[in-house]
Amino acid sequence: MADAGGGPSFLARLILVLLGVAFLGAAWVWHRKDSDPKAARLVERVSGGRVHGGAASP
């Protein structure tokens, strides 16, 4: 059973931290897409080509 006042488990905290790091990384790549062609290609590949503008556009 869960601890009475222990808060979330270690696994729940680990998942939240990993989600936060992934979100910050995605936000950083999205921010860099206009000036970095590699980031623009990554954003375009992940989004399925739905990104308009940026360094990847001809």
N, C-alpha and C. Protein backbone atom coordinates (compact mmCIF):
# COMPACT_ATOMS: atom_id res chain seq x y z
N MET A 1 0.84 -1.18 0.00
CA MET A 1 0.00 0.00 0.00
C MET A 1 0.88 1.24 0.00
N ALA A 2 0.29 2.34 -0.38
CA ALA A 2 1.03 3.60 -0.44
C ALA A 2 1.31 4.11 0.97
N ASP A 3 2.40 4.84 1.07
CA ASP A 3 2.72 5.46 2.35
C ASP A 3 1.66 6.50 2.68
N ALA A 4 1.44 6.71 3.97
CA ALA A 4 0.38 7.64 4.40
C ALA A 4 0.67 9.08 3.94
N GLY A 5 1.88 9.56 4.13
CA GLY A 5 2.19 10.94 3.75
C GLY A 5 3.43 11.03 2.89
N GLY A 6 3.78 9.96 2.24
CA GLY A 6 5.02 9.92 1.50
C GLY A 6 5.00 10.60 0.15
N GLY A 7 3.85 10.95 -0.36
CA GLY A 7 3.78 11.57 -1.68
C GLY A 7 3.87 10.52 -2.77
N PRO A 8 4.16 10.96 -3.98
CA PRO A 8 4.23 10.02 -5.10
C PRO A 8 5.42 9.08 -4.98
N SER A 9 5.30 7.94 -5.59
CA SER A 9 6.36 6.94 -5.53
C SER A 9 7.57 7.39 -6.34
N PHE A 10 8.66 6.68 -6.17
CA PHE A 10 9.88 6.99 -6.91
C PHE A 10 9.65 6.87 -8.40
N LEU A 11 8.94 5.84 -8.83
CA LEU A 11 8.68 5.64 -10.25
C LEU A 11 7.85 6.78 -10.83
N ALA A 12 6.84 7.24 -10.09
CA ALA A 12 6.02 8.35 -10.56
C ALA A 12 6.85 9.63 -10.68
N ARG A 13 7.72 9.88 -9.71
CA ARG A 13 8.58 11.06 -9.78
C ARG A 13 9.55 10.97 -10.95
N LEU A 14 10.10 9.77 -11.18
CA LEU A 14 11.03 9.57 -12.29
C LEU A 14 10.33 9.83 -13.62
N ILE A 15 9.12 9.33 -13.78
CA ILE A 15 8.38 9.54 -15.01
C ILE A 15 8.10 11.02 -15.22
N LEU A 16 7.72 11.73 -14.17
CA LEU A 16 7.45 13.16 -14.28
C LEU A 16 8.71 13.94 -14.66
N VAL A 17 9.83 13.58 -14.08
CA VAL A 17 11.09 14.25 -14.42
C VAL A 17 11.46 13.98 -15.87
N LEU A 18 11.32 12.74 -16.33
CA LEU A 18 11.65 12.42 -17.71
C LEU A 18 10.72 13.13 -18.69
N LEU A 19 9.44 13.22 -18.36
CA LEU A 19 8.51 13.97 -19.21
C LEU A 19 8.89 15.45 -19.25
N GLY A 20 9.29 16.00 -18.12
CA GLY A 20 9.70 17.40 -18.09
C GLY A 20 10.93 17.66 -18.92
N VAL A 21 11.91 16.77 -18.83
CA VAL A 21 13.13 16.91 -19.63
C VAL A 21 12.81 16.79 -21.12
N ALA A 22 11.94 15.84 -21.47
CA ALA A 22 11.56 15.68 -22.87
C ALA A 22 10.83 16.92 -23.38
N PHE A 23 9.95 17.48 -22.56
CA PHE A 23 9.23 18.69 -22.96
C PHE A 23 10.19 19.86 -23.16
N LEU A 24 11.12 20.04 -22.24
CA LEU A 24 12.09 21.14 -22.37
C LEU A 24 12.98 20.94 -23.60
N GLY A 25 13.37 19.71 -23.87
CA GLY A 25 14.17 19.44 -25.06
C GLY A 25 13.40 19.73 -26.34
N ALA A 26 12.13 19.34 -26.38
CA ALA A 26 11.31 19.62 -27.56
C ALA A 26 11.11 21.11 -27.74
N ALA A 27 10.91 21.83 -26.65
CA ALA A 27 10.74 23.28 -26.74
C ALA A 27 12.02 23.95 -27.23
N TRP A 28 13.18 23.46 -26.79
CA TRP A 28 14.45 24.02 -27.23
C TRP A 28 14.66 23.78 -28.72
N VAL A 29 14.35 22.57 -29.20
CA VAL A 29 14.50 22.27 -30.63
C VAL A 29 13.54 23.11 -31.44
N TRP A 30 12.30 23.27 -30.96
CA TRP A 30 11.32 24.09 -31.66
C TRP A 30 11.80 25.54 -31.76
N HIS A 31 12.42 26.02 -30.69
CA HIS A 31 12.95 27.38 -30.68
C HIS A 31 14.09 27.53 -31.68
N ARG A 32 14.91 26.52 -31.86
CA ARG A 32 16.08 26.56 -32.72
C ARG A 32 15.77 26.27 -34.19
N LYS A 33 14.53 25.88 -34.51
CA LYS A 33 14.24 25.42 -35.87
C LYS A 33 14.42 26.50 -36.92
N ASP A 34 14.31 27.77 -36.56
CA ASP A 34 14.47 28.84 -37.55
C ASP A 34 15.93 29.12 -37.89
N SER A 35 16.84 28.81 -36.99
CA SER A 35 18.24 29.13 -37.24
C SER A 35 19.13 27.91 -37.44
N ASP A 36 18.64 26.72 -37.14
CA ASP A 36 19.45 25.52 -37.26
C ASP A 36 18.77 24.54 -38.23
N PRO A 37 19.38 24.27 -39.38
CA PRO A 37 18.76 23.37 -40.35
C PRO A 37 18.52 21.96 -39.81
N LYS A 38 19.42 21.48 -38.95
CA LYS A 38 19.23 20.14 -38.38
C LYS A 38 17.99 20.10 -37.50
N ALA A 39 17.80 21.13 -36.69
CA ALA A 39 16.62 21.19 -35.83
C ALA A 39 15.36 21.33 -36.67
N ALA A 40 15.43 22.09 -37.76
CA ALA A 40 14.28 22.26 -38.64
C ALA A 40 13.89 20.93 -39.28
N ARG A 41 14.89 20.17 -39.72
CA ARG A 41 14.59 18.85 -40.31
C ARG A 41 13.99 17.92 -39.27
N LEU A 42 14.50 17.97 -38.05
CA LEU A 42 13.98 17.11 -36.99
C LEU A 42 12.52 17.46 -36.69
N VAL A 43 12.23 18.75 -36.57
CA VAL A 43 10.86 19.18 -36.29
C VAL A 43 9.95 18.78 -37.44
N GLU A 44 10.42 18.95 -38.67
CA GLU A 44 9.59 18.60 -39.83
C GLU A 44 9.34 17.10 -39.88
N ARG A 45 10.37 16.30 -39.56
CA ARG A 45 10.20 14.84 -39.60
C ARG A 45 9.25 14.37 -38.52
N VAL A 46 9.37 14.91 -37.33
CA VAL A 46 8.53 14.48 -36.22
C VAL A 46 7.09 14.94 -36.40
N SER A 47 6.91 16.14 -36.96
CA SER A 47 5.55 16.67 -37.12
C SER A 47 4.87 16.15 -38.37
N GLY A 48 5.55 15.38 -39.18
CA GLY A 48 4.95 14.84 -40.38
C GLY A 48 4.85 15.85 -41.51
N GLY A 49 5.70 16.87 -41.49
CA GLY A 49 5.71 17.88 -42.54
C GLY A 49 4.68 18.95 -42.39
N ARG A 50 4.10 19.11 -41.22
CA ARG A 50 3.05 20.11 -41.01
C ARG A 50 3.59 21.45 -40.55
N VAL A 51 4.91 21.64 -40.51
CA VAL A 51 5.51 22.88 -40.05
C VAL A 51 5.70 23.80 -41.23
N HIS A 52 5.25 25.04 -41.13
CA HIS A 52 5.38 26.03 -42.18
C HIS A 52 6.41 27.06 -41.75
N GLY A 53 7.31 27.41 -42.63
CA GLY A 53 8.35 28.38 -42.31
C GLY A 53 9.54 27.69 -41.70
N GLY A 54 10.58 28.48 -41.42
CA GLY A 54 11.77 27.93 -40.80
C GLY A 54 12.83 27.59 -41.83
N ALA A 55 13.95 27.07 -41.37
CA ALA A 55 15.10 26.82 -42.22
C ALA A 55 14.88 25.65 -43.18
N ALA A 56 13.93 24.76 -42.90
CA ALA A 56 13.74 23.59 -43.75
C ALA A 56 12.89 23.92 -44.98
N SER A 57 12.27 25.09 -45.01
CA SER A 57 11.43 25.45 -46.15
C SER A 57 12.29 25.90 -47.32
N PRO A 58 11.89 25.53 -48.52
CA PRO A 58 12.65 25.97 -49.70
C PRO A 58 12.42 27.43 -49.99
